[in-house]
Amino acid sequence: MARTTEPVAEKIFKEVLIVELLGVFGAYFLFNKMNTSQDFRQTMSKKFPSILEVYYKSIEQSGLYGVREQEQEKWLNSKN
């Protein structure tokens, strides 16, 4: 009896779909957390500056300018 590849392909498709959905929800959660918490953004600037850069670029494209500069100034003042 020959085994078809359809069930295997279907299983792989479902797994890829689940991984994609987890990625989308994870990105939404991360963006929402950064969008609502300046403390979290400060933590991200220390641990993952490239991710914070993507956040700043996305809010600048939506028309919000100056957030990055305000936060950097505040963080520098809090160190002193």
PDB file of N, CA and C in Angstrom:
ATOM      1  N   MET A   1       0.838  -1.172   0.000  1.00  0.00           N
ATOM      2  CA  MET A   1       0.000   0.000   0.000  1.00  0.00           C
ATOM      3  C   MET A   1       0.891   1.246   0.000  1.00  0.00           C
ATOM      4  N   ALA A   2       0.720   2.112  -0.962  1.00  0.00           N
ATOM      5  CA  ALA A   2       1.537   3.309  -1.091  1.00  0.00           C
ATOM      6  C   ALA A   2       1.038   4.394  -0.131  1.00  0.00           C
ATOM      7  N   ARG A   3       2.005   5.008   0.484  1.00  0.00           N
ATOM      8  CA  ARG A   3       1.670   6.073   1.434  1.00  0.00           C
ATOM      9  C   ARG A   3       1.724   7.415   0.706  1.00  0.00           C
ATOM     10  N   THR A   4       0.687   8.200   0.838  1.00  0.00           N
ATOM     11  CA  THR A   4       0.670   9.495   0.161  1.00  0.00           C
ATOM     12  C   THR A   4       1.317  10.549   1.050  1.00  0.00           C
ATOM     13  N   THR A   5       1.741  11.630   0.435  1.00  0.00           N
ATOM     14  CA  THR A   5       2.386  12.697   1.198  1.00  0.00           C
ATOM     15  C   THR A   5       1.390  13.754   1.664  1.00  0.00           C
ATOM     16  N   GLU A   6       0.137  13.625   1.314  1.00  0.00           N
ATOM     17  CA  GLU A   6      -0.838  14.628   1.701  1.00  0.00           C
ATOM     18  C   GLU A   6      -0.967  14.776   3.216  1.00  0.00           C
ATOM     19  N   PRO A   7      -1.085  13.706   3.987  1.00  0.00           N
ATOM     20  CA  PRO A   7      -1.186  13.907   5.438  1.00  0.00           C
ATOM     21  C   PRO A   7       0.075  14.561   6.029  1.00  0.00           C
ATOM     22  N   VAL A   8       1.238  14.233   5.485  1.00  0.00           N
ATOM     23  CA  VAL A   8       2.486  14.834   5.975  1.00  0.00           C
ATOM     24  C   VAL A   8       2.515  16.314   5.622  1.00  0.00           C
ATOM     25  N   ALA A   9       2.143  16.638   4.403  1.00  0.00           N
ATOM     26  CA  ALA A   9       2.120  18.040   3.974  1.00  0.00           C
ATOM     27  C   ALA A   9       1.097  18.834   4.789  1.00  0.00           C
ATOM     28  N   GLU A  10      -0.025  18.222   5.067  1.00  0.00           N
ATOM     29  CA  GLU A  10      -1.056  18.889   5.867  1.00  0.00           C
ATOM     30  C   GLU A  10      -0.564  19.148   7.285  1.00  0.00           C
ATOM     31  N   LYS A  11       0.135  18.194   7.856  1.00  0.00           N
ATOM     32  CA  LYS A  11       0.679  18.355   9.202  1.00  0.00           C
ATOM     33  C   LYS A  11       1.733  19.470   9.234  1.00  0.00           C
ATOM     34  N   ILE A  12       2.597  19.489   8.234  1.00  0.00           N
ATOM     35  CA  ILE A  12       3.625  20.534   8.165  1.00  0.00           C
ATOM     36  C   ILE A  12       2.968  21.900   7.993  1.00  0.00           C
ATOM     37  N   PHE A  13       1.943  21.978   7.151  1.00  0.00           N
ATOM     38  CA  PHE A  13       1.236  23.234   6.953  1.00  0.00           C
ATOM     39  C   PHE A  13       0.632  23.734   8.259  1.00  0.00           C
ATOM     40  N   LYS A  14       0.005  22.851   9.014  1.00  0.00           N
ATOM     41  CA  LYS A  14      -0.598  23.251  10.288  1.00  0.00           C
ATOM     42  C   LYS A  14       0.464  23.732  11.275  1.00  0.00           C
ATOM     43  N   GLU A  15       1.592  23.050  11.320  1.00  0.00           N
ATOM     44  CA  GLU A  15       2.664  23.462  12.232  1.00  0.00           C
ATOM     45  C   GLU A  15       3.224  24.822  11.845  1.00  0.00           C
ATOM     46  N   VAL A  16       3.424  25.048  10.552  1.00  0.00           N
ATOM     47  CA  VAL A  16       3.922  26.344  10.087  1.00  0.00           C
ATOM     48  C   VAL A  16       2.906  27.438  10.406  1.00  0.00           C
ATOM     49  N   LEU A  17       1.640  27.149  10.216  1.00  0.00           N
ATOM     50  CA  LEU A  17       0.583  28.109  10.523  1.00  0.00           C
ATOM     51  C   LEU A  17       0.580  28.466  12.006  1.00  0.00           C
ATOM     52  N   ILE A  18       0.746  27.495  12.862  1.00  0.00           N
ATOM     53  CA  ILE A  18       0.785  27.735  14.309  1.00  0.00           C
ATOM     54  C   ILE A  18       1.993  28.595  14.674  1.00  0.00           C
ATOM     55  N   VAL A  19       3.143  28.292  14.097  1.00  0.00           N
ATOM     56  CA  VAL A  19       4.350  29.085  14.372  1.00  0.00           C
ATOM     57  C   VAL A  19       4.158  30.524  13.902  1.00  0.00           C
ATOM     58  N   GLU A  20       3.558  30.701  12.733  1.00  0.00           N
ATOM     59  CA  GLU A  20       3.284  32.040  12.219  1.00  0.00           C
ATOM     60  C   GLU A  20       2.347  32.809  13.148  1.00  0.00           C
ATOM     61  N   LEU A  21       1.289  32.167  13.599  1.00  0.00           N
ATOM     62  CA  LEU A  21       0.345  32.827  14.509  1.00  0.00           C
ATOM     63  C   LEU A  21       1.002  33.193  15.832  1.00  0.00           C
ATOM     64  N   LEU A  22       1.831  32.307  16.357  1.00  0.00           N
ATOM     65  CA  LEU A  22       2.559  32.615  17.587  1.00  0.00           C
ATOM     66  C   LEU A  22       3.483  33.817  17.381  1.00  0.00           C
ATOM     67  N   GLY A  23       4.106  33.893  16.224  1.00  0.00           N
ATOM     68  CA  GLY A  23       4.972  35.026  15.916  1.00  0.00           C
ATOM     69  C   GLY A  23       4.202  36.333  15.847  1.00  0.00           C
ATOM     70  N   VAL A  24       3.041  36.308  15.222  1.00  0.00           N
ATOM     71  CA  VAL A  24       2.222  37.514  15.113  1.00  0.00           C
ATOM     72  C   VAL A  24       1.750  37.961  16.494  1.00  0.00           C
ATOM     73  N   PHE A  25       1.243  37.031  17.295  1.00  0.00           N
ATOM     74  CA  PHE A  25       0.783  37.394  18.634  1.00  0.00           C
ATOM     75  C   PHE A  25       1.936  37.841  19.522  1.00  0.00           C
ATOM     76  N   GLY A  26       3.089  37.219  19.368  1.00  0.00           N
ATOM     77  CA  GLY A  26       4.263  37.629  20.131  1.00  0.00           C
ATOM     78  C   GLY A  26       4.704  39.034  19.772  1.00  0.00           C
ATOM     79  N   ALA A  27       4.702  39.350  18.484  1.00  0.00           N
ATOM     80  CA  ALA A  27       5.078  40.697  18.040  1.00  0.00           C
ATOM     81  C   ALA A  27       4.074  41.723  18.542  1.00  0.00           C
ATOM     82  N   TYR A  28       2.788  41.378  18.509  1.00  0.00           N
ATOM     83  CA  TYR A  28       1.768  42.292  19.025  1.00  0.00           C
ATOM     84  C   TYR A  28       1.961  42.527  20.517  1.00  0.00           C
ATOM     85  N   PHE A  29       2.183  41.463  21.274  1.00  0.00           N
ATOM     86  CA  PHE A  29       2.385  41.595  22.718  1.00  0.00           C
ATOM     87  C   PHE A  29       3.596  42.474  23.011  1.00  0.00           C
ATOM     88  N   LEU A  30       4.694  42.240  22.309  1.00  0.00           N
ATOM     89  CA  LEU A  30       5.909  43.014  22.522  1.00  0.00           C
ATOM     90  C   LEU A  30       5.690  44.485  22.178  1.00  0.00           C
ATOM     91  N   PHE A  31       5.052  44.765  21.041  1.00  0.00           N
ATOM     92  CA  PHE A  31       4.791  46.146  20.657  1.00  0.00           C
ATOM     93  C   PHE A  31       3.873  46.820  21.676  1.00  0.00           C
ATOM     94  N   ASN A  32       2.842  46.120  22.108  1.00  0.00           N
ATOM     95  CA  ASN A  32       1.903  46.692  23.075  1.00  0.00           C
ATOM     96  C   ASN A  32       2.605  46.998  24.397  1.00  0.00           C
ATOM     97  N   LYS A  33       3.456  46.107  24.841  1.00  0.00           N
ATOM     98  CA  LYS A  33       4.205  46.321  26.087  1.00  0.00           C
ATOM     99  C   LYS A  33       5.133  47.526  25.952  1.00  0.00           C
ATOM    100  N   MET A  34       5.813  47.640  24.829  1.00  0.00           N
ATOM    101  CA  MET A  34       6.705  48.783  24.625  1.00  0.00           C
ATOM    102  C   MET A  34       5.909  50.077  24.475  1.00  0.00           C
ATOM    103  N   ASN A  35       4.735  49.991  23.883  1.00  0.00           N
ATOM    104  CA  ASN A  35       3.928  51.174  23.649  1.00  0.00           C
ATOM    105  C   ASN A  35       3.314  51.720  24.936  1.00  0.00           C
ATOM    106  N   THR A  36       3.167  50.890  25.947  1.00  0.00           N
ATOM    107  CA  THR A  36       2.498  51.320  27.177  1.00  0.00           C
ATOM    108  C   THR A  36       3.436  51.508  28.362  1.00  0.00           C
ATOM    109  N   SER A  37       4.691  51.086  28.259  1.00  0.00           N
ATOM    110  CA  SER A  37       5.574  51.152  29.417  1.00  0.00           C
ATOM    111  C   SER A  37       6.941  51.730  29.048  1.00  0.00           C
ATOM    112  N   GLN A  38       7.200  52.916  29.563  1.00  0.00           N
ATOM    113  CA  GLN A  38       8.500  53.543  29.313  1.00  0.00           C
ATOM    114  C   GLN A  38       9.610  52.778  30.031  1.00  0.00           C
ATOM    115  N   ASP A  39       9.314  52.219  31.199  1.00  0.00           N
ATOM    116  CA  ASP A  39      10.313  51.419  31.913  1.00  0.00           C
ATOM    117  C   ASP A  39      10.718  50.193  31.094  1.00  0.00           C
ATOM    118  N   PHE A  40       9.740  49.572  30.445  1.00  0.00           N
ATOM    119  CA  PHE A  40      10.043  48.414  29.606  1.00  0.00           C
ATOM    120  C   PHE A  40      10.902  48.829  28.414  1.00  0.00           C
ATOM    121  N   ARG A  41      10.620  50.013  27.838  1.00  0.00           N
ATOM    122  CA  ARG A  41      11.447  50.507  26.729  1.00  0.00           C
ATOM    123  C   ARG A  41      12.869  50.758  27.190  1.00  0.00           C
ATOM    124  N   GLN A  42      13.039  51.243  28.412  1.00  0.00           N
ATOM    125  CA  GLN A  42      14.382  51.468  28.930  1.00  0.00           C
ATOM    126  C   GLN A  42      15.114  50.135  29.096  1.00  0.00           C
ATOM    127  N   THR A  43      14.413  49.122  29.578  1.00  0.00           N
ATOM    128  CA  THR A  43      15.004  47.787  29.688  1.00  0.00           C
ATOM    129  C   THR A  43      15.382  47.256  28.308  1.00  0.00           C
ATOM    130  N   MET A  44      14.503  47.466  27.328  1.00  0.00           N
ATOM    131  CA  MET A  44      14.783  47.013  25.969  1.00  0.00           C
ATOM    132  C   MET A  44      15.987  47.749  25.389  1.00  0.00           C
ATOM    133  N   SER A  45      16.160  49.031  25.760  1.00  0.00           N
ATOM    134  CA  SER A  45      17.297  49.783  25.218  1.00  0.00           C
ATOM    135  C   SER A  45      18.615  49.217  25.723  1.00  0.00           C
ATOM    136  N   LYS A  46      18.601  48.628  26.902  1.00  0.00           N
ATOM    137  CA  LYS A  46      19.823  48.029  27.453  1.00  0.00           C
ATOM    138  C   LYS A  46      20.068  46.626  26.910  1.00  0.00           C
ATOM    139  N   LYS A  47      18.993  45.843  26.778  1.00  0.00           N
ATOM    140  CA  LYS A  47      19.157  44.434  26.403  1.00  0.00           C
ATOM    141  C   LYS A  47      19.042  44.190  24.895  1.00  0.00           C
ATOM    142  N   PHE A  48      18.080  44.843  24.248  1.00  0.00           N
ATOM    143  CA  PHE A  48      17.822  44.610  22.827  1.00  0.00           C
ATOM    144  C   PHE A  48      17.618  45.935  22.104  1.00  0.00           C
ATOM    145  N   PRO A  49      18.681  46.718  21.916  1.00  0.00           N
ATOM    146  CA  PRO A  49      18.511  48.030  21.285  1.00  0.00           C
ATOM    147  C   PRO A  49      17.991  47.971  19.847  1.00  0.00           C
ATOM    148  N   SER A  50      18.267  46.898  19.140  1.00  0.00           N
ATOM    149  CA  SER A  50      17.793  46.817  17.751  1.00  0.00           C
ATOM    150  C   SER A  50      16.271  46.680  17.698  1.00  0.00           C
ATOM    151  N   ILE A  51      15.684  45.973  18.649  1.00  0.00           N
ATOM    152  CA  ILE A  51      14.227  45.834  18.692  1.00  0.00           C
ATOM    153  C   ILE A  51      13.590  47.174  19.039  1.00  0.00           C
ATOM    154  N   LEU A  52      14.208  47.911  19.965  1.00  0.00           N
ATOM    155  CA  LEU A  52      13.695  49.232  20.316  1.00  0.00           C
ATOM    156  C   LEU A  52      13.790  50.179  19.120  1.00  0.00           C
ATOM    157  N   GLU A  53      14.828  50.045  18.327  1.00  0.00           N
ATOM    158  CA  GLU A  53      14.979  50.869  17.124  1.00  0.00           C
ATOM    159  C   GLU A  53      13.820  50.618  16.162  1.00  0.00           C
ATOM    160  N   VAL A  54      13.418  49.373  16.000  1.00  0.00           N
ATOM    161  CA  VAL A  54      12.275  49.044  15.139  1.00  0.00           C
ATOM    162  C   VAL A  54      11.005  49.681  15.694  1.00  0.00           C
ATOM    163  N   TYR A  55      10.844  49.669  17.006  1.00  0.00           N
ATOM    164  CA  TYR A  55       9.682  50.302  17.635  1.00  0.00           C
ATOM    165  C   TYR A  55       9.660  51.801  17.324  1.00  0.00           C
ATOM    166  N   TYR A  56      10.794  52.476  17.526  1.00  0.00           N
ATOM    167  CA  TYR A  56      10.858  53.910  17.263  1.00  0.00           C
ATOM    168  C   TYR A  56      10.561  54.216  15.794  1.00  0.00           C
ATOM    169  N   LYS A  57      11.110  53.427  14.887  1.00  0.00           N
ATOM    170  CA  LYS A  57      10.865  53.648  13.461  1.00  0.00           C
ATOM    171  C   LYS A  57       9.377  53.485  13.138  1.00  0.00           C
ATOM    172  N   SER A  58       8.735  52.499  13.747  1.00  0.00           N
ATOM    173  CA  SER A  58       7.318  52.263  13.446  1.00  0.00           C
ATOM    174  C   SER A  58       6.440  53.389  13.968  1.00  0.00           C
ATOM    175  N   ILE A  59       6.735  53.924  15.156  1.00  0.00           N
ATOM    176  CA  ILE A  59       5.895  55.021  15.644  1.00  0.00           C
ATOM    177  C   ILE A  59       6.197  56.317  14.904  1.00  0.00           C
ATOM    178  N   GLU A  60       7.430  56.473  14.425  1.00  0.00           N
ATOM    179  CA  GLU A  60       7.739  57.649  13.616  1.00  0.00           C
ATOM    180  C   GLU A  60       7.000  57.596  12.285  1.00  0.00           C
ATOM    181  N   GLN A  61       6.854  56.409  11.714  1.00  0.00           N
ATOM    182  CA  GLN A  61       6.103  56.281  10.468  1.00  0.00           C
ATOM    183  C   GLN A  61       4.623  56.565  10.685  1.00  0.00           C
ATOM    184  N   SER A  62       4.142  56.359  11.909  1.00  0.00           N
ATOM    185  CA  SER A  62       2.735  56.656  12.183  1.00  0.00           C
ATOM    186  C   SER A  62       2.516  58.130  12.497  1.00  0.00           C
ATOM    187  N   GLY A  63       3.596  58.918  12.562  1.00  0.00           N
ATOM    188  CA  GLY A  63       3.457  60.353  12.738  1.00  0.00           C
ATOM    189  C   GLY A  63       3.845  60.877  14.105  1.00  0.00           C
ATOM    190  N   LEU A  64       4.308  60.028  14.996  1.00  0.00           N
ATOM    191  CA  LEU A  64       4.731  60.468  16.329  1.00  0.00           C
ATOM    192  C   LEU A  64       6.236  60.669  16.320  1.00  0.00           C
ATOM    193  N   TYR A  65       6.668  61.920  16.377  1.00  0.00           N
ATOM    194  CA  TYR A  65       8.089  62.228  16.337  1.00  0.00           C
ATOM    195  C   TYR A  65       8.537  62.758  17.688  1.00  0.00           C
ATOM    196  N   GLY A  66       9.804  62.554  18.012  1.00  0.00           N
ATOM    197  CA  GLY A  66      10.394  63.113  19.216  1.00  0.00           C
ATOM    198  C   GLY A  66      10.361  62.214  20.436  1.00  0.00           C
ATOM    199  N   VAL A  67       9.723  61.076  20.350  1.00  0.00           N
ATOM    200  CA  VAL A  67       9.624  60.175  21.501  1.00  0.00           C
ATOM    201  C   VAL A  67      11.006  59.662  21.879  1.00  0.00           C
ATOM    202  N   ARG A  68      11.769  59.260  20.893  1.00  0.00           N
ATOM    203  CA  ARG A  68      13.109  58.731  21.132  1.00  0.00           C
ATOM    204  C   ARG A  68      13.983  59.770  21.851  1.00  0.00           C
ATOM    205  N   GLU A  69      13.967  60.992  21.350  1.00  0.00           N
ATOM    206  CA  GLU A  69      14.804  62.047  21.924  1.00  0.00           C
ATOM    207  C   GLU A  69      14.386  62.379  23.356  1.00  0.00           C
ATOM    208  N   GLN A  70      13.070  62.449  23.589  1.00  0.00           N
ATOM    209  CA  GLN A  70      12.574  62.739  24.940  1.00  0.00           C
ATOM    210  C   GLN A  70      13.003  61.655  25.927  1.00  0.00           C
ATOM    211  N   GLU A  71      12.881  60.412  25.514  1.00  0.00           N
ATOM    212  CA  GLU A  71      13.245  59.313  26.408  1.00  0.00           C
ATOM    213  C   GLU A  71      14.744  59.265  26.658  1.00  0.00           C
ATOM    214  N   GLN A  72      15.539  59.475  25.635  1.00  0.00           N
ATOM    215  CA  GLN A  72      16.987  59.454  25.828  1.00  0.00           C
ATOM    216  C   GLN A  72      17.419  60.569  26.769  1.00  0.00           C
ATOM    217  N   GLU A  73      16.803  61.734  26.635  1.00  0.00           N
ATOM    218  CA  GLU A  73      17.124  62.846  27.525  1.00  0.00           C
ATOM    219  C   GLU A  73      16.716  62.516  28.967  1.00  0.00           C
ATOM    220  N   LYS A  74      15.540  61.943  29.129  1.00  0.00           N
ATOM    221  CA  LYS A  74      15.069  61.572  30.465  1.00  0.00           C
ATOM    222  C   LYS A  74      15.974  60.517  31.090  1.00  0.00           C
ATOM    223  N   TRP A  75      16.391  59.522  30.299  1.00  0.00           N
ATOM    224  CA  TRP A  75      17.239  58.460  30.832  1.00  0.00           C
ATOM    225  C   TRP A  75      18.616  58.990  31.189  1.00  0.00           C
ATOM    226  N   LEU A  76      19.131  59.929  30.399  1.00  0.00           N
ATOM    227  CA  LEU A  76      20.429  60.527  30.737  1.00  0.00           C
ATOM    228  C   LEU A  76      20.341  61.355  32.012  1.00  0.00           C
ATOM    229  N   ASN A  77      19.243  62.102  32.167  1.00  0.00           N
ATOM    230  CA  ASN A  77      19.060  62.903  33.375  1.00  0.00           C
ATOM    231  C   ASN A  77      18.869  62.036  34.622  1.00  0.00           C
ATOM    232  N   SER A  78      18.264  60.888  34.454  1.00  0.00           N
ATOM    233  CA  SER A  78      18.050  60.021  35.617  1.00  0.00           C
ATOM    234  C   SER A  78      19.348  59.342  36.061  1.00  0.00           C
ATOM    235  N   LYS A  79      20.318  59.208  35.147  1.00  0.00           N
ATOM    236  CA  LYS A  79      21.616  58.631  35.526  1.00  0.00           C
ATOM    237  C   LYS A  79      22.436  59.612  36.351  1.00  0.00           C
ATOM    238  N   ASN A  80      22.243  60.907  36.093  1.00  0.00           N
ATOM    239  CA  ASN A  80      23.036  61.951  36.787  1.00  0.00           C
ATOM    240  C   ASN A  80      22.480  62.286  38.127  1.00  0.00           C
TER     241      ASN A  80
END
